[in-house]
N, C-alpha and C. Protein backbone atom coordinates (compact mmCIF):
# COMPACT_ATOMS: atom_id res chain seq x y z
N MET A 1 -4.39 11.89 -6.91
CA MET A 1 -4.84 10.31 -7.34
C MET A 1 -6.29 10.16 -6.33
N THR A 2 -6.96 9.35 -7.11
CA THR A 2 -8.15 8.94 -6.65
C THR A 2 -7.57 8.04 -5.40
N GLU A 3 -9.09 7.44 -4.64
CA GLU A 3 -9.03 5.99 -3.79
C GLU A 3 -8.73 5.23 -4.49
N LYS A 4 -9.37 5.21 -5.76
CA LYS A 4 -9.79 3.83 -6.83
C LYS A 4 -7.81 3.56 -7.52
N GLU A 5 -7.45 4.54 -7.80
CA GLU A 5 -5.65 4.89 -8.27
C GLU A 5 -5.38 4.70 -7.67
N LYS A 6 -5.24 4.63 -6.20
CA LYS A 6 -4.26 4.60 -4.70
C LYS A 6 -4.31 2.82 -4.74
N ILE A 7 -5.32 2.32 -4.81
CA ILE A 7 -6.08 1.32 -4.58
C ILE A 7 -5.32 0.29 -5.75
N ALA A 8 -5.50 0.84 -7.17
CA ALA A 8 -4.76 0.54 -7.70
C ALA A 8 -3.09 -0.34 -8.09
N LEU A 9 -2.13 1.17 -7.41
CA LEU A 9 -1.08 1.27 -7.09
C LEU A 9 -0.77 0.28 -6.30
N MET A 10 -1.62 -0.07 -5.06
CA MET A 10 -1.47 -1.08 -3.79
C MET A 10 -1.20 -2.58 -4.80
N GLU A 11 -2.04 -2.82 -5.57
CA GLU A 11 -2.37 -4.03 -6.17
C GLU A 11 -0.95 -4.21 -7.24
N GLU A 12 -0.29 -3.12 -7.64
CA GLU A 12 0.78 -2.91 -8.25
C GLU A 12 1.78 -3.17 -7.54
N ILE A 13 1.82 -3.25 -6.81
CA ILE A 13 3.56 -2.68 -5.76
C ILE A 13 3.01 -4.21 -5.54
N MET A 14 2.17 -5.11 -5.47
CA MET A 14 1.82 -6.55 -4.21
C MET A 14 1.99 -7.65 -5.80
N ASP A 15 1.90 -7.05 -7.38
CA ASP A 15 1.47 -8.23 -8.69
C ASP A 15 0.20 -8.47 -7.94
N LEU A 16 -0.95 -7.43 -8.01
CA LEU A 16 -2.32 -8.88 -7.82
C LEU A 16 -3.02 -8.03 -9.14
N ASN A 17 -4.10 -8.54 -9.30
CA ASN A 17 -4.76 -8.87 -10.51
C ASN A 17 -5.78 -7.12 -9.28
N GLU A 18 -6.19 -6.41 -10.80
CA GLU A 18 -7.01 -5.41 -10.41
C GLU A 18 -8.14 -5.76 -10.14
N GLY A 19 -8.62 -4.91 -9.24
CA GLY A 19 -9.78 -5.30 -8.52
C GLY A 19 -9.97 -6.52 -7.36
N THR A 20 -8.56 -6.95 -7.27
CA THR A 20 -8.58 -7.49 -5.47
C THR A 20 -8.79 -7.12 -4.56
N LEU A 21 -8.14 -6.05 -4.19
CA LEU A 21 -8.04 -5.53 -3.16
C LEU A 21 -9.52 -3.89 -2.78
N SER A 22 -9.82 -4.13 -1.64
CA SER A 22 -10.63 -2.97 -1.31
C SER A 22 -9.76 -2.93 -0.04
N LEU A 23 -10.82 -0.97 0.66
CA LEU A 23 -9.70 -0.36 1.61
C LEU A 23 -9.88 -1.35 2.92
N ASP A 24 -10.92 -2.15 2.67
CA ASP A 24 -11.31 -3.08 4.03
C ASP A 24 -10.12 -4.37 4.02
N SER A 25 -9.47 -4.38 2.76
CA SER A 25 -8.83 -5.86 3.10
C SER A 25 -7.84 -5.80 3.68
N VAL A 26 -7.01 -6.82 3.93
CA VAL A 26 -6.42 -6.87 5.99
C VAL A 26 -5.14 -6.84 5.71
N LEU A 27 -4.62 -5.96 5.22
CA LEU A 27 -2.75 -6.52 4.66
C LEU A 27 -2.20 -7.92 5.53
N GLU A 28 -2.13 -8.46 6.29
CA GLU A 28 -1.85 -9.29 7.30
C GLU A 28 -2.36 -10.63 6.03
N ASP A 29 -3.36 -10.86 5.93
CA ASP A 29 -4.42 -11.57 5.08
C ASP A 29 -3.68 -12.05 3.36
N ILE A 30 -2.63 -11.17 3.01
CA ILE A 30 -2.52 -10.78 1.93
C ILE A 30 -0.78 -11.34 1.98
N ASP A 31 -0.80 -12.94 0.86
CA ASP A 31 0.77 -13.67 1.37
C ASP A 31 1.29 -12.53 0.41
N GLU A 32 0.73 -11.23 -1.18
CA GLU A 32 1.95 -10.50 -0.85
C GLU A 32 2.37 -9.61 -0.29
N TRP A 33 1.84 -9.21 0.62
CA TRP A 33 2.54 -8.41 1.46
C TRP A 33 3.34 -8.68 2.43
N ASP A 34 4.46 -8.42 1.80
CA ASP A 34 5.82 -8.89 2.15
C ASP A 34 7.05 -7.87 2.60
N SER A 35 8.24 -8.29 2.58
CA SER A 35 8.93 -7.25 2.86
C SER A 35 9.55 -6.71 1.83
N VAL A 36 9.58 -7.41 0.87
CA VAL A 36 9.61 -6.22 -0.79
C VAL A 36 8.15 -5.76 -1.04
N ALA A 37 7.63 -5.95 -1.03
CA ALA A 37 5.84 -5.33 -1.11
C ALA A 37 5.93 -3.94 -0.66
N ILE A 38 6.60 -3.99 1.07
CA ILE A 38 6.30 -2.94 1.83
C ILE A 38 7.88 -1.72 1.23
N LEU A 39 8.94 -2.97 1.05
CA LEU A 39 10.00 -1.33 0.46
C LEU A 39 9.46 -1.09 -0.71
N SER A 40 8.63 -1.51 -1.64
CA SER A 40 7.98 -0.59 -3.09
C SER A 40 7.22 0.17 -2.46
N TYR A 41 6.33 -0.18 -1.70
CA TYR A 41 5.79 0.88 -1.02
C TYR A 41 6.19 2.13 -0.46
N ILE A 42 7.00 2.05 0.28
CA ILE A 42 7.64 3.29 1.04
C ILE A 42 8.49 4.30 -0.22
N THR A 43 9.10 3.19 -1.33
CA THR A 43 9.82 3.90 -2.50
C THR A 43 8.65 4.59 -3.07
N GLU A 44 7.49 4.27 -3.40
CA GLU A 44 6.27 4.75 -4.30
C GLU A 44 5.72 5.82 -3.43
N VAL A 45 5.77 5.37 -2.54
CA VAL A 45 5.06 6.54 -1.60
C VAL A 45 5.89 8.22 -1.58
N LEU A 46 7.57 7.69 -1.38
CA LEU A 46 8.29 9.35 -1.92
C LEU A 46 8.65 9.36 -2.89
N ASP A 47 8.27 8.63 -4.56
CA ASP A 47 8.06 9.32 -5.41
C ASP A 47 7.20 9.76 -5.72
N LYS A 48 6.14 9.35 -5.25
CA LYS A 48 4.76 9.99 -6.09
C LYS A 48 4.34 10.70 -5.26
N PHE A 49 4.28 11.23 -3.91
CA PHE A 49 3.67 11.72 -2.77
C PHE A 49 4.91 12.88 -2.22
N ARG A 50 6.24 12.26 -2.54
CA ARG A 50 7.36 13.21 -1.68
C ARG A 50 6.89 13.41 -0.56
N LYS A 51 6.54 11.54 0.39
CA LYS A 51 6.31 11.44 1.70
C LYS A 51 7.11 10.27 2.02
N THR A 52 7.72 10.49 3.23
CA THR A 52 8.60 9.53 3.81
C THR A 52 8.05 8.97 4.85
N VAL A 53 7.93 7.62 5.09
CA VAL A 53 7.29 6.56 5.50
C VAL A 53 8.09 5.21 6.10
N LYS A 54 8.43 5.58 7.60
CA LYS A 54 9.55 4.82 7.57
C LYS A 54 8.92 2.92 7.95
N GLY A 55 9.44 2.16 8.06
CA GLY A 55 8.85 0.76 8.06
C GLY A 55 8.16 0.47 9.13
N SER A 56 9.01 1.11 10.68
CA SER A 56 8.03 1.14 11.42
C SER A 56 6.57 1.70 11.48
N GLU A 57 6.69 2.11 10.85
CA GLU A 57 4.96 2.83 10.51
C GLU A 57 4.18 1.88 9.94
N VAL A 58 5.04 1.30 8.51
CA VAL A 58 3.60 0.79 7.75
C VAL A 58 3.75 -0.79 8.32
N LYS A 59 4.67 -1.19 9.25
CA LYS A 59 4.32 -2.44 10.03
C LYS A 59 3.18 -2.29 10.73
N LYS A 60 2.51 -0.48 11.41
CA LYS A 60 1.53 -0.74 11.95
C LYS A 60 -0.04 -1.03 11.17
N PHE A 61 0.32 -1.00 9.93
CA PHE A 61 -0.81 -0.71 9.16
C PHE A 61 -1.85 -2.15 9.60
N VAL A 62 -3.32 -2.63 9.37
CA VAL A 62 -3.97 -3.31 9.49
C VAL A 62 -4.62 -3.92 7.89
N THR A 63 -4.98 -2.49 7.51
CA THR A 63 -6.31 -2.82 6.48
C THR A 63 -5.02 -1.98 5.04
N VAL A 64 -6.01 -1.86 3.93
CA VAL A 64 -5.33 -1.22 2.57
C VAL A 64 -5.65 0.13 2.77
N ARG A 65 -7.06 0.23 3.44
CA ARG A 65 -7.19 2.07 3.74
C ARG A 65 -5.95 2.63 5.12
N ASP A 66 -5.33 2.16 5.73
CA ASP A 66 -3.97 2.62 6.57
C ASP A 66 -3.06 3.02 5.67
N ALA A 67 -2.58 2.34 4.43
CA ALA A 67 -1.71 2.36 3.26
C ALA A 67 -2.20 3.55 2.60
N VAL A 68 -3.32 3.54 1.85
CA VAL A 68 -4.09 4.54 1.15
C VAL A 68 -4.00 5.91 2.13
N GLU A 69 -4.20 5.87 3.00
CA GLU A 69 -4.32 7.44 3.84
C GLU A 69 -2.96 7.86 3.83
N ILE A 70 -2.10 7.18 3.66
CA ILE A 70 -0.66 8.12 4.36
C ILE A 70 -0.56 8.58 2.52
N MET A 71 -1.14 8.34 1.76
CA MET A 71 -0.87 8.67 0.00
C MET A 71 -1.30 10.01 -0.07
N GLN A 72 -1.14 11.45 0.74
CA GLN A 72 -1.51 12.31 0.33
C GLN A 72 -0.80 13.56 -0.44
């Protein structure tokens, strides 16, 4: 999955329009980055990347880049 596709997945998780996010977008500034989005993110990472991410790890994310880097 490309970086662009990972950002698109983040937009989908948060129900944002395509092109809304960049790697430098600050998650704290995005209203849609809430507990439901975090749970969706954790589920998507497990389903698509077979990787377990803890909520405590996700809460440390500052930017979209932090979330995308886990998706490997």
